[in-house]
Each structure stands twice: as structure tokens, then as C-alpha cells.
Amino acid sequence: MEKLTLKKPLFLCGMMGSGKSTIGQILAEKLHVPFHDLDEMIEDEAGISIPEIFERDGEQRFRKLERNVLIRESQKIKGVMALGGGSLQHQRIIDHLKIYGWLVFLDVDQSVLLKRLQGDSGRPMLKQNDEDGTADQNFQKLLQERRPLYEQAEITIQASRQTPAELADSIINKLLIYDAIYSN
């Protein structure tokens, strides 16, 4: 594989369970750049876990904190950052990220996402959506709401069937093409 020098950060977006953190770590290792996880950055800033933020302060407070950390950090980070599933809250955030880096959408089939997330109690959005017994329907609605935001990424990778290492290689290959096109 041809060597790629990452000139601006990569922001991985997609639904919870799409593999952003796993693929992001592999990608960062292959590119010899730092890896950042937005959820971990938020927890560090808040001094408590994301489920605790949701429990104590609610989703609205969490989203504000998430937005503030993302906007601030995206302007200065190097390497790869895994975003939270709901990080792309509105158009201004998407536009901001695309100014400072590459936005990459990990597109995973709903059935695969649900299978991956089965039994995961550490995700507040799943917990909220399971209280009335219609978790699958609520998850589908959430995915439909978020998909138009994710689809604005410069790069979309179908991430349902390949291994994380194969997906990292696919992202690198697409970036090599973009680099060849836009650096001339």
C-alpha cells in the first residue's frame, strides 16, 4: 500500500456501533498519527462518564458539552478522531468539521448495528429508547434522522461486512485518491 501523509485530521462519523473507535485506532496506527475519541474527551472534561452526564444533566446538557469540546478540539487536533453517534447535531458542525478535516461516514446496515449493540447497557440513547419496549423502531427513527447528516461526509465507507483492518485500508485508499486529485 502506498504511503499517505495525513495533511488534515480525519473525523469518523456514523451510528453507535459502527466501529468508529475500533477502526479509528487501527487507522491512526497505520497512518502513524494520534487517535482521539470524542466521548473520552468529553468524559475527561466533565470528570464523569457519559451515562452519568445523561442521568444527572440530561441529553441537552450533554449535547452542548459535546458540541463545545468538538468545535474547540477539531481546530487543533492532528490525526484521527472518532465522533459520537449524535455529534453531527446540525449543519454548522458538519461545515466546521469539513473545513478543518476529512469527514468519513462509516455506513453500517441497521440489522448489523442492532446485533452489535445487543446487550450494551453503557449507551444512554439505547437505554432511553428501550424504556417503552420499542427500541428497534426508535433506533430506526434515530438512524433515519441522522443519516442525512452523515451522508454529507466527503468519504462514505460501507462498513457492515469488512474487518476493521480492511475498512481502515479502504479509507486510506480513498484518501490516497483524494490526495492525488486535490494536491495537483
N, C-alpha and C. Protein backbone atom coordinates (compact mmCIF):
# COMPACT_ATOMS: atom_id res chain seq x y z
N MET A 1 0.84 -1.19 0.00
CA MET A 1 0.00 0.00 0.00
C MET A 1 0.88 1.24 0.00
N GLU A 2 0.49 2.18 -0.82
CA GLU A 2 1.21 3.44 -0.93
C GLU A 2 1.13 4.19 0.41
N LYS A 3 2.18 4.94 0.72
CA LYS A 3 2.21 5.70 1.98
C LYS A 3 1.43 7.00 1.83
N LEU A 4 0.64 7.30 2.84
CA LEU A 4 -0.15 8.52 2.86
C LEU A 4 0.31 9.38 4.03
N THR A 5 0.55 10.63 3.77
CA THR A 5 0.83 11.59 4.83
C THR A 5 -0.46 12.36 5.07
N LEU A 6 -0.97 12.24 6.26
CA LEU A 6 -2.24 12.88 6.59
C LEU A 6 -2.01 14.37 6.80
N LYS A 7 -2.58 15.18 5.92
CA LYS A 7 -2.36 16.63 5.97
C LYS A 7 -3.37 17.35 6.85
N LYS A 8 -4.51 16.73 7.08
CA LYS A 8 -5.50 17.30 7.99
C LYS A 8 -6.21 16.14 8.68
N PRO A 9 -6.85 16.39 9.82
CA PRO A 9 -7.43 15.29 10.60
C PRO A 9 -8.59 14.60 9.90
N LEU A 10 -8.82 13.36 10.32
CA LEU A 10 -9.97 12.58 9.88
C LEU A 10 -10.98 12.55 11.01
N PHE A 11 -12.24 12.81 10.70
CA PHE A 11 -13.31 12.72 11.68
C PHE A 11 -14.23 11.58 11.24
N LEU A 12 -14.28 10.53 12.04
CA LEU A 12 -15.11 9.38 11.71
C LEU A 12 -16.50 9.55 12.31
N CYS A 13 -17.53 9.49 11.46
CA CYS A 13 -18.90 9.62 11.94
C CYS A 13 -19.69 8.37 11.57
N GLY A 14 -20.81 8.21 12.24
CA GLY A 14 -21.69 7.07 11.99
C GLY A 14 -22.44 6.75 13.26
N MET A 15 -23.38 5.86 13.16
CA MET A 15 -24.20 5.48 14.30
C MET A 15 -23.37 4.76 15.36
N MET A 16 -23.90 4.76 16.58
CA MET A 16 -23.27 3.97 17.62
C MET A 16 -23.21 2.53 17.13
N GLY A 17 -22.07 1.88 17.39
CA GLY A 17 -21.89 0.50 16.95
C GLY A 17 -21.31 0.37 15.55
N SER A 18 -21.02 1.50 14.89
CA SER A 18 -20.50 1.42 13.52
C SER A 18 -19.00 1.11 13.48
N GLY A 19 -18.33 1.18 14.62
CA GLY A 19 -16.91 0.83 14.67
C GLY A 19 -15.97 2.02 14.62
N LYS A 20 -16.47 3.19 14.91
CA LYS A 20 -15.64 4.41 14.79
C LYS A 20 -14.38 4.33 15.64
N SER A 21 -14.52 3.93 16.89
CA SER A 21 -13.35 3.87 17.78
C SER A 21 -12.39 2.76 17.38
N THR A 22 -12.92 1.59 17.08
CA THR A 22 -12.08 0.45 16.70
C THR A 22 -11.33 0.75 15.41
N ILE A 23 -12.06 1.18 14.39
CA ILE A 23 -11.44 1.47 13.09
C ILE A 23 -10.52 2.68 13.22
N GLY A 24 -10.93 3.66 14.00
CA GLY A 24 -10.11 4.85 14.19
C GLY A 24 -8.74 4.54 14.79
N GLN A 25 -8.71 3.65 15.76
CA GLN A 25 -7.43 3.27 16.37
C GLN A 25 -6.53 2.57 15.37
N ILE A 26 -7.10 1.67 14.58
CA ILE A 26 -6.31 0.95 13.57
C ILE A 26 -5.82 1.92 12.50
N LEU A 27 -6.70 2.80 12.07
CA LEU A 27 -6.35 3.80 11.06
C LEU A 27 -5.22 4.70 11.54
N ALA A 28 -5.32 5.17 12.77
CA ALA A 28 -4.28 6.04 13.33
C ALA A 28 -2.94 5.30 13.39
N GLU A 29 -3.00 4.04 13.78
CA GLU A 29 -1.77 3.24 13.85
C GLU A 29 -1.15 3.08 12.46
N LYS A 30 -1.96 2.77 11.47
CA LYS A 30 -1.46 2.58 10.11
C LYS A 30 -0.89 3.87 9.53
N LEU A 31 -1.47 5.00 9.91
CA LEU A 31 -1.02 6.30 9.40
C LEU A 31 0.05 6.95 10.29
N HIS A 32 0.36 6.32 11.42
CA HIS A 32 1.35 6.84 12.37
C HIS A 32 0.97 8.23 12.87
N VAL A 33 -0.30 8.36 13.26
CA VAL A 33 -0.81 9.62 13.80
C VAL A 33 -1.56 9.32 15.10
N PRO A 34 -1.83 10.34 15.92
CA PRO A 34 -2.57 10.12 17.16
C PRO A 34 -4.04 9.77 16.90
N PHE A 35 -4.62 9.04 17.85
CA PHE A 35 -6.05 8.72 17.82
C PHE A 35 -6.73 9.47 18.96
N HIS A 36 -7.89 10.03 18.69
CA HIS A 36 -8.68 10.75 19.69
C HIS A 36 -10.11 10.21 19.66
N ASP A 37 -10.69 10.04 20.82
CA ASP A 37 -12.08 9.61 20.92
C ASP A 37 -12.86 10.74 21.58
N LEU A 38 -13.81 11.31 20.85
CA LEU A 38 -14.56 12.45 21.37
C LEU A 38 -15.27 12.12 22.68
N ASP A 39 -15.82 10.92 22.78
CA ASP A 39 -16.50 10.54 24.03
C ASP A 39 -15.55 10.59 25.22
N GLU A 40 -14.33 10.08 25.03
CA GLU A 40 -13.33 10.12 26.11
C GLU A 40 -12.95 11.56 26.46
N MET A 41 -12.86 12.41 25.45
CA MET A 41 -12.51 13.82 25.69
C MET A 41 -13.62 14.51 26.50
N ILE A 42 -14.86 14.18 26.19
CA ILE A 42 -15.99 14.75 26.92
C ILE A 42 -15.97 14.27 28.37
N GLU A 43 -15.73 12.99 28.56
CA GLU A 43 -15.67 12.44 29.93
C GLU A 43 -14.53 13.08 30.73
N ASP A 44 -13.39 13.28 30.08
CA ASP A 44 -12.27 13.94 30.76
C ASP A 44 -12.65 15.36 31.18
N GLU A 45 -13.30 16.08 30.28
CA GLU A 45 -13.69 17.45 30.58
C GLU A 45 -14.74 17.52 31.70
N ALA A 46 -15.72 16.60 31.65
CA ALA A 46 -16.81 16.62 32.62
C ALA A 46 -16.41 15.99 33.96
N GLY A 47 -15.41 15.12 33.92
CA GLY A 47 -15.00 14.43 35.14
C GLY A 47 -15.93 13.28 35.53
N ILE A 48 -16.87 12.94 34.66
CA ILE A 48 -17.78 11.82 34.88
C ILE A 48 -18.06 11.13 33.54
N SER A 49 -18.67 9.95 33.60
CA SER A 49 -18.95 9.19 32.38
C SER A 49 -20.13 9.80 31.61
N ILE A 50 -20.23 9.46 30.35
CA ILE A 50 -21.34 9.95 29.53
C ILE A 50 -22.68 9.48 30.08
N PRO A 51 -22.84 8.20 30.47
CA PRO A 51 -24.12 7.82 31.08
C PRO A 51 -24.46 8.67 32.32
N GLU A 52 -23.44 9.03 33.10
CA GLU A 52 -23.68 9.87 34.28
C GLU A 52 -24.10 11.28 33.88
N ILE A 53 -23.51 11.80 32.79
CA ILE A 53 -23.91 13.14 32.31
C ILE A 53 -25.38 13.10 31.90
N PHE A 54 -25.77 12.08 31.14
CA PHE A 54 -27.17 11.94 30.72
C PHE A 54 -28.08 11.84 31.94
N GLU A 55 -27.68 11.02 32.90
CA GLU A 55 -28.50 10.79 34.10
C GLU A 55 -28.64 12.06 34.94
N ARG A 56 -27.53 12.74 35.14
CA ARG A 56 -27.50 13.90 36.02
C ARG A 56 -28.03 15.17 35.35
N ASP A 57 -27.60 15.41 34.10
CA ASP A 57 -27.87 16.69 33.45
C ASP A 57 -28.80 16.61 32.25
N GLY A 58 -29.02 15.41 31.72
CA GLY A 58 -29.90 15.24 30.57
C GLY A 58 -29.16 15.34 29.25
N GLU A 59 -29.87 14.95 28.19
CA GLU A 59 -29.26 14.93 26.86
C GLU A 59 -28.89 16.32 26.37
N GLN A 60 -29.73 17.30 26.63
CA GLN A 60 -29.46 18.65 26.13
C GLN A 60 -28.13 19.19 26.66
N ARG A 61 -27.87 18.99 27.94
CA ARG A 61 -26.60 19.43 28.54
C ARG A 61 -25.43 18.67 27.95
N PHE A 62 -25.63 17.35 27.75
CA PHE A 62 -24.58 16.54 27.13
C PHE A 62 -24.26 17.06 25.73
N ARG A 63 -25.28 17.33 24.93
CA ARG A 63 -25.07 17.78 23.54
C ARG A 63 -24.33 19.12 23.51
N LYS A 64 -24.63 19.99 24.44
CA LYS A 64 -23.93 21.28 24.50
C LYS A 64 -22.45 21.06 24.81
N LEU A 65 -22.18 20.23 25.80
CA LEU A 65 -20.79 19.91 26.16
C LEU A 65 -20.08 19.25 24.98
N GLU A 66 -20.74 18.30 24.34
CA GLU A 66 -20.18 17.60 23.19
C GLU A 66 -19.83 18.60 22.07
N ARG A 67 -20.75 19.49 21.77
CA ARG A 67 -20.55 20.49 20.72
C ARG A 67 -19.36 21.39 21.05
N ASN A 68 -19.28 21.86 22.29
CA ASN A 68 -18.19 22.74 22.69
C ASN A 68 -16.82 22.06 22.58
N VAL A 69 -16.74 20.83 23.07
CA VAL A 69 -15.47 20.08 23.01
C VAL A 69 -15.10 19.82 21.55
N LEU A 70 -16.08 19.40 20.75
CA LEU A 70 -15.81 19.08 19.35
C LEU A 70 -15.33 20.31 18.57
N ILE A 71 -16.01 21.41 18.71
CA ILE A 71 -15.62 22.63 17.98
C ILE A 71 -14.21 23.06 18.38
N ARG A 72 -13.95 23.08 19.67
CA ARG A 72 -12.63 23.51 20.16
C ARG A 72 -11.52 22.56 19.69
N GLU A 73 -11.71 21.28 19.91
CA GLU A 73 -10.64 20.31 19.63
C GLU A 73 -10.42 20.09 18.13
N SER A 74 -11.48 20.19 17.34
CA SER A 74 -11.35 19.92 15.90
C SER A 74 -10.45 20.95 15.21
N GLN A 75 -10.29 22.10 15.82
CA GLN A 75 -9.47 23.15 15.22
C GLN A 75 -7.98 22.95 15.45
N LYS A 76 -7.65 22.05 16.36
CA LYS A 76 -6.23 21.91 16.70
C LYS A 76 -5.68 20.49 16.69
N ILE A 77 -6.54 19.48 16.60
CA ILE A 77 -6.02 18.12 16.67
C ILE A 77 -5.29 17.71 15.41
N LYS A 78 -4.46 16.72 15.57
CA LYS A 78 -3.80 16.04 14.47
C LYS A 78 -4.23 14.58 14.56
N GLY A 79 -4.36 13.93 13.41
CA GLY A 79 -4.65 12.51 13.43
C GLY A 79 -6.10 12.17 13.15
N VAL A 80 -6.61 11.17 13.88
CA VAL A 80 -7.94 10.61 13.67
C VAL A 80 -8.78 10.83 14.91
N MET A 81 -10.03 11.27 14.71
CA MET A 81 -10.96 11.44 15.83
C MET A 81 -12.24 10.66 15.55
N ALA A 82 -12.61 9.80 16.49
CA ALA A 82 -13.90 9.11 16.44
C ALA A 82 -14.94 10.00 17.11
N LEU A 83 -15.98 10.35 16.36
CA LEU A 83 -17.06 11.17 16.90
C LEU A 83 -18.10 10.29 17.56
N GLY A 84 -18.95 10.90 18.38
CA GLY A 84 -20.08 10.18 18.93
C GLY A 84 -21.16 10.05 17.86
N GLY A 85 -22.08 9.12 18.03
CA GLY A 85 -23.12 8.88 17.05
C GLY A 85 -23.99 10.09 16.78
N GLY A 86 -24.17 10.94 17.79
CA GLY A 86 -25.03 12.12 17.63
C GLY A 86 -24.27 13.43 17.53
N SER A 87 -22.98 13.36 17.29
CA SER A 87 -22.14 14.57 17.26
C SER A 87 -22.51 15.55 16.16
N LEU A 88 -22.96 15.02 15.03
CA LEU A 88 -23.32 15.90 13.91
C LEU A 88 -24.75 16.40 14.15
N GLN A 89 -24.85 17.37 15.06
CA GLN A 89 -26.15 17.83 15.52
C GLN A 89 -26.85 18.74 14.53
N HIS A 90 -26.09 19.47 13.75
CA HIS A 90 -26.68 20.38 12.77
C HIS A 90 -25.65 20.77 11.73
N GLN A 91 -26.10 21.47 10.72
CA GLN A 91 -25.28 21.78 9.56
C GLN A 91 -24.00 22.53 9.90
N ARG A 92 -24.07 23.44 10.85
CA ARG A 92 -22.86 24.24 11.18
C ARG A 92 -21.71 23.35 11.65
N ILE A 93 -22.02 22.31 12.40
CA ILE A 93 -20.96 21.41 12.87
C ILE A 93 -20.35 20.66 11.69
N ILE A 94 -21.19 20.16 10.80
CA ILE A 94 -20.69 19.45 9.63
C ILE A 94 -19.78 20.36 8.80
N ASP A 95 -20.25 21.56 8.54
CA ASP A 95 -19.45 22.51 7.75
C ASP A 95 -18.13 22.81 8.44
N HIS A 96 -18.16 22.99 9.74
CA HIS A 96 -16.95 23.27 10.52
C HIS A 96 -15.95 22.13 10.38
N LEU A 97 -16.41 20.90 10.57
CA LEU A 97 -15.51 19.74 10.50
C LEU A 97 -14.91 19.60 9.11
N LYS A 98 -15.69 19.87 8.08
CA LYS A 98 -15.20 19.74 6.72
C LYS A 98 -14.20 20.84 6.35
N ILE A 99 -14.24 21.94 7.06
CA ILE A 99 -13.22 22.98 6.86
C ILE A 99 -11.88 22.52 7.45
N TYR A 100 -11.93 21.90 8.61
CA TYR A 100 -10.70 21.54 9.33
C TYR A 100 -10.16 20.16 9.02
N GLY A 101 -10.98 19.28 8.43
CA GLY A 101 -10.50 17.92 8.18
C GLY A 101 -11.38 17.18 7.19
N TRP A 102 -11.14 15.87 7.10
CA TRP A 102 -11.94 14.98 6.27
C TRP A 102 -13.02 14.35 7.14
N LEU A 103 -14.25 14.39 6.68
CA LEU A 103 -15.35 13.73 7.38
C LEU A 103 -15.60 12.40 6.67
N VAL A 104 -15.54 11.31 7.44
CA VAL A 104 -15.67 9.95 6.90
C VAL A 104 -16.86 9.28 7.58
N PHE A 105 -17.81 8.82 6.79
CA PHE A 105 -19.02 8.16 7.28
C PHE A 105 -18.85 6.65 7.19
N LEU A 106 -18.93 5.98 8.34
CA LEU A 106 -18.93 4.52 8.39
C LEU A 106 -20.39 4.07 8.35
N ASP A 107 -20.81 3.63 7.19
CA ASP A 107 -22.20 3.27 6.93
C ASP A 107 -22.39 1.77 7.21
N VAL A 108 -23.21 1.47 8.20
CA VAL A 108 -23.45 0.09 8.62
C VAL A 108 -24.95 -0.18 8.57
N ASP A 109 -25.32 -1.33 8.04
CA ASP A 109 -26.73 -1.72 7.98
C ASP A 109 -27.35 -1.75 9.38
N GLN A 110 -28.62 -1.35 9.45
CA GLN A 110 -29.31 -1.29 10.74
C GLN A 110 -29.30 -2.64 11.46
N SER A 111 -29.51 -3.72 10.73
CA SER A 111 -29.54 -5.04 11.37
C SER A 111 -28.19 -5.38 12.00
N VAL A 112 -27.11 -4.99 11.35
CA VAL A 112 -25.76 -5.24 11.88
C VAL A 112 -25.53 -4.38 13.12
N LEU A 113 -25.96 -3.13 13.07
CA LEU A 113 -25.82 -2.24 14.23
C LEU A 113 -26.55 -2.80 15.43
N LEU A 114 -27.79 -3.21 15.23
CA LEU A 114 -28.59 -3.73 16.34
C LEU A 114 -27.96 -4.99 16.93
N LYS A 115 -27.42 -5.84 16.08
CA LYS A 115 -26.75 -7.05 16.56
C LYS A 115 -25.51 -6.70 17.39
N ARG A 116 -24.73 -5.74 16.89
CA ARG A 116 -23.51 -5.31 17.61
C ARG A 116 -23.83 -4.68 18.96
N LEU A 117 -24.95 -3.96 19.04
CA LEU A 117 -25.30 -3.21 20.25
C LEU A 117 -26.13 -4.01 21.25
N GLN A 118 -26.53 -5.19 20.85
CA GLN A 118 -27.36 -6.01 21.72
C GLN A 118 -26.68 -6.24 23.07
N GLY A 119 -27.38 -5.89 24.14
CA GLY A 119 -26.87 -6.08 25.49
C GLY A 119 -25.90 -5.01 25.97
N ASP A 120 -25.68 -3.98 25.17
CA ASP A 120 -24.77 -2.89 25.56
C ASP A 120 -25.53 -1.90 26.43
N SER A 121 -25.28 -1.94 27.72
CA SER A 121 -26.02 -1.08 28.65
C SER A 121 -25.35 0.27 28.88
N GLY A 122 -24.19 0.51 28.27
CA GLY A 122 -23.46 1.75 28.50
C GLY A 122 -23.77 2.86 27.52
N ARG A 123 -24.86 2.73 26.79
CA ARG A 123 -25.21 3.73 25.78
C ARG A 123 -26.54 4.39 26.15
N PRO A 124 -26.49 5.62 26.62
CA PRO A 124 -27.69 6.30 27.09
C PRO A 124 -28.81 6.40 26.05
N MET A 125 -28.47 6.60 24.79
CA MET A 125 -29.51 6.72 23.76
C MET A 125 -30.25 5.40 23.58
N LEU A 126 -29.56 4.28 23.76
CA LEU A 126 -30.24 2.98 23.69
C LEU A 126 -31.11 2.76 24.91
N LYS A 127 -30.60 3.15 26.05
CA LYS A 127 -31.37 2.99 27.30
C LYS A 127 -32.66 3.80 27.23
N GLN A 128 -32.56 5.04 26.77
CA GLN A 128 -33.75 5.89 26.64
C GLN A 128 -34.75 5.26 25.68
N ASN A 129 -34.26 4.69 24.60
CA ASN A 129 -35.14 4.16 23.57
C ASN A 129 -35.70 2.79 23.91
N ASP A 130 -35.24 2.15 24.96
CA ASP A 130 -35.71 0.82 25.29
C ASP A 130 -36.77 0.82 26.38
N GLU A 131 -37.01 1.97 26.99
CA GLU A 131 -37.92 2.02 28.13
C GLU A 131 -39.36 1.69 27.77
N ASP A 132 -39.77 1.98 26.55
CA ASP A 132 -41.16 1.71 26.16
C ASP A 132 -41.30 0.43 25.35
N GLY A 133 -40.21 -0.36 25.23
CA GLY A 133 -40.28 -1.65 24.54
C GLY A 133 -40.26 -1.55 23.02
N THR A 134 -39.98 -0.39 22.48
CA THR A 134 -39.94 -0.23 21.02
C THR A 134 -38.54 0.20 20.57
N ALA A 135 -37.53 -0.40 21.17
CA ALA A 135 -36.15 0.01 20.91
C ALA A 135 -35.78 -0.07 19.43
N ASP A 136 -36.16 -1.16 18.76
CA ASP A 136 -35.79 -1.29 17.34
C ASP A 136 -36.42 -0.20 16.49
N GLN A 137 -37.68 0.12 16.75
CA GLN A 137 -38.37 1.18 15.99
C GLN A 137 -37.76 2.54 16.29
N ASN A 138 -37.46 2.79 17.54
CA ASN A 138 -36.85 4.07 17.92
C ASN A 138 -35.45 4.20 17.35
N PHE A 139 -34.71 3.09 17.33
CA PHE A 139 -33.37 3.09 16.76
C PHE A 139 -33.44 3.40 15.27
N GLN A 140 -34.40 2.79 14.57
CA GLN A 140 -34.59 3.04 13.15
C GLN A 140 -34.92 4.52 12.90
N LYS A 141 -35.75 5.10 13.73
CA LYS A 141 -36.10 6.52 13.61
C LYS A 141 -34.87 7.40 13.82
N LEU A 142 -34.08 7.07 14.84
CA LEU A 142 -32.85 7.82 15.11
C LEU A 142 -31.89 7.73 13.93
N LEU A 143 -31.75 6.55 13.37
CA LEU A 143 -30.88 6.35 12.20
C LEU A 143 -31.38 7.17 11.01
N GLN A 144 -32.68 7.18 10.79
CA GLN A 144 -33.25 7.97 9.69
C GLN A 144 -33.03 9.46 9.88
N GLU A 145 -33.09 9.93 11.13
CA GLU A 145 -32.86 11.35 11.41
C GLU A 145 -31.40 11.73 11.18
N ARG A 146 -30.49 10.84 11.55
CA ARG A 146 -29.06 11.15 11.47
C ARG A 146 -28.45 10.91 10.10
N ARG A 147 -29.00 9.98 9.35
CA ARG A 147 -28.41 9.59 8.06
C ARG A 147 -28.14 10.79 7.13
N PRO A 148 -29.09 11.74 6.95
CA PRO A 148 -28.81 12.87 6.06
C PRO A 148 -27.59 13.70 6.51
N LEU A 149 -27.33 13.73 7.79
CA LEU A 149 -26.16 14.45 8.30
C LEU A 149 -24.89 13.66 7.99
N TYR A 150 -24.92 12.35 8.27
CA TYR A 150 -23.75 11.50 7.99
C TYR A 150 -23.41 11.51 6.50
N GLU A 151 -24.43 11.49 5.65
CA GLU A 151 -24.22 11.36 4.21
C GLU A 151 -23.55 12.58 3.59
N GLN A 152 -23.35 13.63 4.36
CA GLN A 152 -22.64 14.80 3.85
C GLN A 152 -21.12 14.65 3.94
N ALA A 153 -20.66 13.54 4.48
CA ALA A 153 -19.22 13.28 4.58
C ALA A 153 -18.60 13.22 3.19
N GLU A 154 -17.33 13.62 3.09
CA GLU A 154 -16.62 13.53 1.82
C GLU A 154 -16.41 12.08 1.41
N ILE A 155 -16.25 11.22 2.41
CA ILE A 155 -15.98 9.80 2.14
C ILE A 155 -17.01 8.97 2.88
N THR A 156 -17.63 8.03 2.17
CA THR A 156 -18.54 7.07 2.78
C THR A 156 -17.97 5.68 2.55
N ILE A 157 -17.92 4.90 3.62
CA ILE A 157 -17.42 3.54 3.56
C ILE A 157 -18.53 2.61 4.03
N GLN A 158 -18.90 1.63 3.20
CA GLN A 158 -19.86 0.62 3.64
C GLN A 158 -19.11 -0.30 4.61
N ALA A 159 -19.52 -0.26 5.88
CA ALA A 159 -18.73 -0.89 6.94
C ALA A 159 -19.43 -2.06 7.61
N SER A 160 -20.32 -2.73 6.90
CA SER A 160 -21.08 -3.83 7.51
C SER A 160 -20.35 -5.17 7.45
N ARG A 161 -19.54 -5.39 6.42
CA ARG A 161 -19.06 -6.74 6.16
C ARG A 161 -17.54 -6.93 6.23
N GLN A 162 -16.78 -5.86 6.18
CA GLN A 162 -15.32 -6.00 6.22
C GLN A 162 -14.81 -5.97 7.65
N THR A 163 -13.59 -6.45 7.84
CA THR A 163 -12.96 -6.37 9.15
C THR A 163 -12.52 -4.92 9.40
N PRO A 164 -12.29 -4.55 10.65
CA PRO A 164 -11.81 -3.19 10.93
C PRO A 164 -10.51 -2.85 10.18
N ALA A 165 -9.59 -3.80 10.06
CA ALA A 165 -8.33 -3.53 9.33
C ALA A 165 -8.61 -3.31 7.85
N GLU A 166 -9.52 -4.09 7.26
CA GLU A 166 -9.87 -3.89 5.85
C GLU A 166 -10.54 -2.53 5.64
N LEU A 167 -11.38 -2.14 6.59
CA LEU A 167 -12.04 -0.84 6.49
C LEU A 167 -11.03 0.30 6.59
N ALA A 168 -10.06 0.16 7.49
CA ALA A 168 -9.00 1.18 7.60
C ALA A 168 -8.25 1.29 6.28
N ASP A 169 -7.94 0.15 5.66
CA ASP A 169 -7.25 0.17 4.36
C ASP A 169 -8.12 0.83 3.29
N SER A 170 -9.43 0.57 3.31
CA SER A 170 -10.34 1.20 2.34
C SER A 170 -10.34 2.72 2.49
N ILE A 171 -10.34 3.19 3.72
CA ILE A 171 -10.30 4.63 3.98
C ILE A 171 -8.99 5.23 3.46
N ILE A 172 -7.89 4.56 3.75
CA ILE A 172 -6.59 5.04 3.28
C ILE A 172 -6.56 5.08 1.75
N ASN A 173 -7.07 4.05 1.11
CA ASN A 173 -7.09 4.03 -0.36
C ASN A 173 -7.91 5.19 -0.92
N LYS A 174 -9.05 5.47 -0.32
CA LYS A 174 -9.86 6.61 -0.79
C LYS A 174 -9.12 7.92 -0.55
N LEU A 175 -8.45 8.05 0.58
CA LEU A 175 -7.70 9.27 0.87
C LEU A 175 -6.54 9.45 -0.11
N LEU A 176 -5.91 8.36 -0.51
CA LEU A 176 -4.83 8.45 -1.50
C LEU A 176 -5.36 9.00 -2.82
N ILE A 177 -6.55 8.57 -3.21
CA ILE A 177 -7.16 9.08 -4.44
C ILE A 177 -7.46 10.57 -4.29
N TYR A 178 -8.07 10.94 -3.16
CA TYR A 178 -8.38 12.36 -2.92
C TYR A 178 -7.11 13.19 -2.90
N ASP A 179 -6.08 12.65 -2.26
CA ASP A 179 -4.81 13.38 -2.16
C ASP A 179 -4.22 13.61 -3.55
N ALA A 180 -4.28 12.59 -4.41
CA ALA A 180 -3.75 12.73 -5.76
C ALA A 180 -4.55 13.75 -6.57
N ILE A 181 -5.85 13.77 -6.37
CA ILE A 181 -6.70 14.69 -7.12
C ILE A 181 -6.51 16.12 -6.66
N TYR A 182 -6.51 16.33 -5.34
CA TYR A 182 -6.54 17.69 -4.79
C TYR A 182 -5.18 18.30 -4.54
N SER A 183 -4.11 17.53 -4.64
CA SER A 183 -2.79 18.13 -4.37
C SER A 183 -2.13 18.63 -5.65
N ASN A 184 -2.72 18.36 -6.78
CA ASN A 184 -2.13 18.83 -8.06
C ASN A 184 -2.67 20.17 -8.46
